[in-house]
Amino acid sequence: EQVGFWTTLVGTSNQTLTYMLRWESLAERERKWNAFASDPEWIAMRAATEAEAIIVERIENTLLN
């Protein structure tokens, strides 16, 4: 479940996108995130989108309680 999306107003990069997802449990997160990350359609779409230039420099995960 998407909680929200934010861009950086003040910081080291205004190109940063931060988003928050809600999970019922760590098990749900592992199952669904791994399915998303390994989805062939997503992998192909990302490769096509980044064919000329990388748009995702890095991904950082933080788990909040």
Protein backbone atom coordinates (compact mmCIF):
# COMPACT_ATOMS: atom_id res chain seq x y z
CA GLU A 1 0.00 0.00 0.00
CA GLN A 2 1.41 3.38 -1.00
CA VAL A 3 1.52 5.83 1.89
CA GLY A 4 3.10 8.75 0.04
CA PHE A 5 5.72 10.10 -2.36
CA TRP A 6 8.00 13.09 -1.77
CA THR A 7 10.77 14.95 -3.61
CA THR A 8 13.59 16.77 -1.85
CA LEU A 9 13.17 20.53 -1.52
CA VAL A 10 16.40 21.20 0.40
CA GLY A 11 19.29 18.73 0.54
CA THR A 12 22.20 17.30 -1.36
CA SER A 13 20.07 16.50 -4.42
CA ASN A 14 16.72 17.75 -5.63
CA GLN A 15 16.59 14.61 -7.80
CA THR A 16 15.79 12.39 -4.81
CA LEU A 17 12.43 10.64 -4.68
CA THR A 18 11.35 9.24 -1.32
CA TYR A 19 8.34 7.01 -1.03
CA MET A 20 6.74 5.05 1.78
CA LEU A 21 5.01 1.70 1.48
CA ARG A 22 2.94 0.00 4.16
CA TRP A 23 3.29 -3.73 4.76
CA GLU A 24 1.24 -6.02 7.00
CA SER A 25 4.39 -7.89 8.02
CA LEU A 26 8.04 -8.42 7.14
CA ALA A 27 7.05 -11.69 5.48
CA GLU A 28 4.61 -9.86 3.20
CA ARG A 29 7.29 -7.28 2.36
CA GLU A 30 9.84 -9.95 1.46
CA ARG A 31 7.38 -11.90 -0.68
CA LYS A 32 5.94 -8.94 -2.57
CA TRP A 33 9.13 -6.87 -2.93
CA ASN A 34 11.09 -9.87 -4.23
CA ALA A 35 8.29 -10.68 -6.69
CA PHE A 36 8.31 -7.07 -7.93
CA ALA A 37 12.10 -6.87 -8.22
CA SER A 38 12.30 -10.12 -10.21
CA ASP A 39 9.26 -9.51 -12.45
CA PRO A 40 10.39 -9.93 -16.10
CA GLU A 41 8.00 -7.22 -17.32
CA TRP A 42 9.36 -4.71 -14.79
CA ILE A 43 12.98 -5.62 -15.60
CA ALA A 44 12.34 -5.15 -19.35
CA MET A 45 10.51 -1.85 -18.80
CA ARG A 46 13.27 -0.48 -16.60
CA ALA A 47 15.94 -1.54 -19.10
CA ALA A 48 14.05 0.18 -21.93
CA THR A 49 13.51 3.33 -19.85
CA GLU A 50 17.19 3.48 -18.87
CA ALA A 51 18.58 2.54 -22.29
CA GLU A 52 20.07 6.00 -22.84
CA ALA A 53 20.61 7.17 -19.26
CA ILE A 54 20.29 5.68 -15.80
CA ILE A 55 17.39 7.19 -13.88
CA VAL A 56 17.83 5.18 -10.67
CA GLU A 57 21.23 5.79 -9.14
CA ARG A 58 20.59 3.79 -5.97
CA ILE A 59 17.83 2.43 -3.81
CA GLU A 60 17.91 2.66 -0.03
CA ASN A 61 15.54 0.75 2.22
CA THR A 62 14.60 1.80 5.73
CA LEU A 63 12.17 -0.15 7.88
CA LEU A 64 10.21 1.90 10.41
CA ASN A 65 8.31 0.69 13.44
